[in-house]
Amino acid sequence: MKWSIPGPIQNYDDPNGPLFRGDYAPDMPEFRGQLKVVCWNMGYAERIETAVNELQNTPELQQPDILLLQEMTEQATELVAETIETNYLNLAQISDSSITSQERSKGSDERSG
């Protein structure tokens, strides 16, 4: 299955800017005495298929109490939440939409190398 998130990334100037939420969890999980937090930088919402696969198939990443996904679009967040059946809250992404995919890849290569 190919994942595609339509449209450019939009900058939001309002610090209270858009807030999106959705409910896909079948029921409220019971507190187990520990809080499991998973944090993942999604790289401009370009690796959604990989993230969903990892979240579903890696035991350490499964069923987090809090899942923090950075660099996500509203559509990508909803898609991940719906697929892994969790509720979500998305605060507006602030990004420079003038940066091309090639420039983002170059910057990522420079940071990792």
Protein backbone atom coordinates (compact mmCIF):
# COMPACT_ATOMS: atom_id res chain seq x y z
CA MET A 1 0.00 0.00 0.00
CA LYS A 2 1.38 3.41 -0.96
CA TRP A 3 0.75 6.38 1.34
CA SER A 4 0.36 9.80 -0.17
CA ILE A 5 -0.26 13.04 1.67
CA PRO A 6 -1.67 15.66 -0.71
CA GLY A 7 -0.87 19.35 -0.72
CA PRO A 8 1.98 21.55 0.43
CA ILE A 9 2.95 22.09 4.04
CA GLN A 10 1.41 25.31 5.34
CA ASN A 11 2.92 27.77 7.81
CA TYR A 12 0.68 28.96 10.62
CA ASP A 13 1.43 32.35 12.13
CA ASP A 14 -1.08 32.15 14.98
CA PRO A 15 0.61 30.59 18.06
CA ASN A 16 -2.82 29.24 19.02
CA GLY A 17 -3.06 28.06 15.39
CA PRO A 18 -5.11 25.16 14.18
CA LEU A 19 -5.66 22.21 16.42
CA PHE A 20 -6.90 18.94 14.97
CA ARG A 21 -8.09 15.85 16.82
CA GLY A 22 -9.64 12.50 16.11
CA ASP A 23 -10.82 9.45 18.00
CA TYR A 24 -9.92 6.04 16.57
CA ALA A 25 -9.15 4.03 19.71
CA PRO A 26 -11.79 1.35 20.33
CA ASP A 27 -11.73 1.99 24.10
CA MET A 28 -9.77 3.88 26.71
CA PRO A 29 -6.75 1.79 27.75
CA GLU A 30 -6.31 1.04 31.42
CA PHE A 31 -3.31 2.62 33.17
CA ARG A 32 -0.66 -0.10 33.71
CA GLY A 33 1.43 1.72 36.32
CA GLN A 34 3.99 3.01 33.81
CA LEU A 35 3.75 5.56 31.05
CA LYS A 36 5.12 4.43 27.68
CA VAL A 37 6.12 7.32 25.40
CA VAL A 38 7.31 6.88 21.82
CA CYS A 39 8.78 9.87 19.97
CA TRP A 40 9.59 9.87 16.25
CA ASN A 41 10.69 12.60 13.85
CA MET A 42 8.81 11.76 10.67
CA GLY A 43 11.00 13.84 8.33
CA TYR A 44 8.40 16.12 6.75
CA ALA A 45 5.72 13.39 6.82
CA GLU A 46 7.52 11.52 4.04
CA ARG A 47 7.95 8.13 5.78
CA ILE A 48 4.40 7.36 6.84
CA GLU A 49 4.33 3.81 5.47
CA THR A 50 7.57 2.95 7.29
CA ALA A 51 6.32 4.47 10.53
CA VAL A 52 3.02 2.60 10.46
CA ASN A 53 4.82 -0.66 9.71
CA GLU A 54 7.27 -0.11 12.59
CA LEU A 55 4.53 0.98 15.02
CA GLN A 56 2.53 -2.15 14.21
CA ASN A 57 5.38 -4.67 14.11
CA THR A 58 8.03 -3.56 16.62
CA PRO A 59 7.10 -4.70 20.14
CA GLU A 60 8.92 -1.77 21.82
CA LEU A 61 6.85 0.70 19.78
CA GLN A 62 3.46 -1.01 20.07
CA GLN A 63 0.68 0.43 22.23
CA PRO A 64 2.33 3.60 23.53
CA ASP A 65 0.40 5.71 26.01
CA ILE A 66 1.71 8.79 24.22
CA LEU A 67 2.97 8.85 20.64
CA LEU A 68 4.81 12.03 19.68
CA LEU A 69 5.24 12.42 15.91
CA GLN A 70 7.24 15.41 14.73
CA GLU A 71 7.07 17.05 11.30
CA MET A 72 3.60 15.73 10.49
CA THR A 73 0.74 17.12 8.44
CA GLU A 74 -2.87 16.96 9.58
CA GLN A 75 -3.63 14.29 6.98
CA ALA A 76 -0.59 12.16 7.85
CA THR A 77 -1.39 12.31 11.57
CA GLU A 78 -4.95 11.21 11.00
CA LEU A 79 -3.83 8.42 8.68
CA VAL A 80 -1.38 7.02 11.26
CA ALA A 81 -3.92 7.33 14.09
CA GLU A 82 -6.66 5.61 12.12
CA THR A 83 -4.36 2.81 10.99
CA ILE A 84 -2.98 2.01 14.44
CA GLU A 85 -6.37 2.72 16.09
CA THR A 86 -5.43 5.49 18.47
CA ASN A 87 -6.79 8.92 19.31
CA TYR A 88 -4.79 11.94 18.22
CA LEU A 89 -4.23 15.61 18.84
CA ASN A 90 -2.29 17.54 16.19
CA LEU A 91 -0.98 21.02 16.89
CA ALA A 92 -0.21 23.07 13.80
CA GLN A 93 3.02 22.24 12.04
CA ILE A 94 5.32 25.14 11.40
CA SER A 95 7.64 24.51 8.50
CA ASP A 96 9.21 26.29 5.56
CA SER A 97 7.15 25.03 2.62
CA SER A 98 9.61 26.59 0.18
CA ILE A 99 12.20 23.90 0.97
CA THR A 100 12.19 21.21 -1.69
CA SER A 101 12.37 17.49 -1.06
CA GLN A 102 15.89 17.43 -2.49
CA GLU A 103 17.01 20.22 -0.13
CA ARG A 104 15.47 18.40 2.85
CA SER A 105 17.31 15.19 1.89
CA LYS A 106 20.59 17.07 1.55
CA GLY A 107 20.13 18.67 4.98
CA SER A 108 19.30 15.28 6.49
CA ASP A 109 22.43 13.75 4.92
CA GLU A 110 24.56 16.58 6.31
CA ARG A 111 23.14 16.11 9.83
CA SER A 112 23.68 12.35 9.81
CA GLY A 113 27.13 12.39 8.21
